[in-house]
C-alpha cells in the first residue's frame, strides 16, 4: 500500500512516482504555478513596454540602464506642481 503524501489516502501508483501523490492533489499547486507564470508574463510585458519606450539608448548603456537613468533624472528634479 502506498499513500499520497498530500492527503494520506491510498494511491495506485502504477508508475511508482517519487514522491507518490494523487494528480488531483497537485491541482492547487499547478493552479498556483499557473497564476505565478501569468503574473510573470504580465510583468515581462510591462517591462518590455517600458524598455522599448526608450527610442535612443546612450552609448555603452543597455536600454535598461538608459531607462533607469531617465527615470532617476526625472524623479530627482523638483516638481513645479506645488
C-alpha atoms as a PDB file:
ATOM      1  CA  UNK A   1       0.000   0.000   0.000  1.00  0.00           C
ATOM      2  CA  UNK A   2       1.260   3.457  -0.943  1.00  0.00           C
ATOM      3  CA  UNK A   3      -0.272   6.616   0.497  1.00  0.00           C
ATOM      4  CA  UNK A   4      -0.427  10.051  -1.082  1.00  0.00           C
ATOM      5  CA  UNK A   5       1.995  12.377   0.660  1.00  0.00           C
ATOM      6  CA  UNK A   6      -0.535  15.210   0.433  1.00  0.00           C
ATOM      7  CA  UNK A   7      -3.855  13.698   1.551  1.00  0.00           C
ATOM      8  CA  UNK A   8      -2.713  10.400   3.057  1.00  0.00           C
ATOM      9  CA  UNK A   9      -5.195   8.306   1.063  1.00  0.00           C
ATOM     10  CA  UNK A  10      -4.114   5.111  -0.587  1.00  0.00           C
ATOM     11  CA  UNK A  11      -2.825   5.633  -4.089  1.00  0.00           C
ATOM     12  CA  UNK A  12      -2.477   3.251  -7.007  1.00  0.00           C
ATOM     13  CA  UNK A  13       0.996   4.178  -8.093  1.00  0.00           C
ATOM     14  CA  UNK A  14       1.413   2.309 -11.358  1.00  0.00           C
ATOM     15  CA  UNK A  15       4.453   4.340 -12.381  1.00  0.00           C
ATOM     16  CA  UNK A  16       5.998   4.381  -8.896  1.00  0.00           C
ATOM     17  CA  UNK A  17       6.379   8.133  -8.971  1.00  0.00           C
ATOM     18  CA  UNK A  18       8.549   9.747  -6.366  1.00  0.00           C
ATOM     19  CA  UNK A  19       7.081  11.241  -4.283  1.00  0.00           C
ATOM     20  CA  UNK A  20       3.765   9.407  -4.548  1.00  0.00           C
ATOM     21  CA  UNK A  21       0.904  11.881  -4.810  1.00  0.00           C
ATOM     22  CA  UNK A  22      -2.573  11.947  -6.382  1.00  0.00           C
ATOM     23  CA  UNK A  23      -2.732  14.026  -9.530  1.00  0.00           C
ATOM     24  CA  UNK A  24      -5.824  15.726  -8.069  1.00  0.00           C
ATOM     25  CA  UNK A  25      -3.759  16.720  -5.025  1.00  0.00           C
ATOM     26  CA  UNK A  26      -1.401  18.538  -7.370  1.00  0.00           C
ATOM     27  CA  UNK A  27      -4.151  20.797  -8.770  1.00  0.00           C
ATOM     28  CA  UNK A  28      -3.817  23.563  -6.146  1.00  0.00           C
ATOM     29  CA  UNK A  29      -0.058  23.673  -6.737  1.00  0.00           C
ATOM     30  CA  UNK A  30      -0.496  23.646 -10.513  1.00  0.00           C
ATOM     31  CA  UNK A  31      -3.060  26.459 -10.306  1.00  0.00           C
ATOM     32  CA  UNK A  32      -0.715  28.479  -8.100  1.00  0.00           C
ATOM     33  CA  UNK A  33       2.160  27.986 -10.543  1.00  0.00           C
ATOM     34  CA  UNK A  34      -0.069  28.997 -13.469  1.00  0.00           C
ATOM     35  CA  UNK A  35      -1.047  32.188 -11.631  1.00  0.00           C
ATOM     36  CA  UNK A  36       2.604  32.963 -10.939  1.00  0.00           C
ATOM     37  CA  UNK A  37       3.536  32.392 -14.587  1.00  0.00           C
ATOM     38  CA  UNK A  38       0.663  34.648 -15.689  1.00  0.00           C
ATOM     39  CA  UNK A  39       1.943  37.330 -13.306  1.00  0.00           C
ATOM     40  CA  UNK A  40       5.472  36.984 -14.652  1.00  0.00           C
ATOM     41  CA  UNK A  41       4.220  37.224 -18.226  1.00  0.00           C
ATOM     42  CA  UNK A  42       2.338  40.432 -17.386  1.00  0.00           C
ATOM     43  CA  UNK A  43       5.402  41.874 -15.624  1.00  0.00           C
ATOM     44  CA  UNK A  44       7.563  40.963 -18.599  1.00  0.00           C
ATOM     45  CA  UNK A  45       5.109  42.650 -20.964  1.00  0.00           C
ATOM     46  CA  UNK A  46       5.100  45.846 -18.887  1.00  0.00           C
ATOM     47  CA  UNK A  47       8.894  45.829 -18.570  1.00  0.00           C
ATOM     48  CA  UNK A  48       9.284  45.396 -22.340  1.00  0.00           C
ATOM     49  CA  UNK A  49       6.897  48.292 -22.916  1.00  0.00           C
ATOM     50  CA  UNK A  50       8.985  50.475 -20.608  1.00  0.00           C
ATOM     51  CA  UNK A  51      12.284  49.473 -22.208  1.00  0.00           C
ATOM     52  CA  UNK A  52      11.102  49.959 -25.754  1.00  0.00           C
ATOM     53  CA  UNK A  53       9.786  53.378 -24.798  1.00  0.00           C
ATOM     54  CA  UNK A  54      13.472  54.323 -24.896  1.00  0.00           C
ATOM     55  CA  UNK A  55      13.962  55.070 -28.564  1.00  0.00           C
ATOM     56  CA  UNK A  56      17.628  56.049 -28.299  1.00  0.00           C
ATOM     57  CA  UNK A  57      19.812  54.410 -25.705  1.00  0.00           C
ATOM     58  CA  UNK A  58      23.013  56.080 -24.661  1.00  0.00           C
ATOM     59  CA  UNK A  59      26.310  54.662 -25.961  1.00  0.00           C
ATOM     60  CA  UNK A  60      27.754  51.922 -23.757  1.00  0.00           C
ATOM     61  CA  UNK A  61      24.414  51.555 -21.920  1.00  0.00           C
ATOM     62  CA  UNK A  62      21.704  48.950 -22.186  1.00  0.00           C
ATOM     63  CA  UNK A  63      18.110  50.057 -22.734  1.00  0.00           C
ATOM     64  CA  UNK A  64      17.510  49.146 -19.101  1.00  0.00           C
ATOM     65  CA  UNK A  65      20.311  51.420 -17.913  1.00  0.00           C
ATOM     66  CA  UNK A  66      19.131  54.299 -20.113  1.00  0.00           C
ATOM     67  CA  UNK A  67      15.508  53.902 -18.990  1.00  0.00           C
ATOM     68  CA  UNK A  68      16.587  53.781 -15.345  1.00  0.00           C
ATOM     69  CA  UNK A  69      18.734  56.879 -15.780  1.00  0.00           C
ATOM     70  CA  UNK A  70      15.838  58.737 -17.426  1.00  0.00           C
ATOM     71  CA  UNK A  71      13.546  57.843 -14.537  1.00  0.00           C
ATOM     72  CA  UNK A  72      16.088  58.772 -11.862  1.00  0.00           C
ATOM     73  CA  UNK A  73      16.899  62.083 -13.569  1.00  0.00           C
ATOM     74  CA  UNK A  74      13.221  62.965 -13.918  1.00  0.00           C
ATOM     75  CA  UNK A  75      12.361  61.940 -10.364  1.00  0.00           C
ATOM     76  CA  UNK A  76      15.265  63.921  -8.895  1.00  0.00           C
ATOM     77  CA  UNK A  77      14.118  67.224 -10.461  1.00  0.00           C
ATOM     78  CA  UNK A  78      11.988  69.388  -8.186  1.00  0.00           C
ATOM     79  CA  UNK A  79       8.345  69.414  -9.150  1.00  0.00           C
ATOM     80  CA  UNK A  80       6.771  72.716 -10.234  1.00  0.00           C
ATOM     81  CA  UNK A  81       3.328  71.459  -9.228  1.00  0.00           C
ATOM     82  CA  UNK A  82       3.480  72.944  -5.699  1.00  0.00           C
END
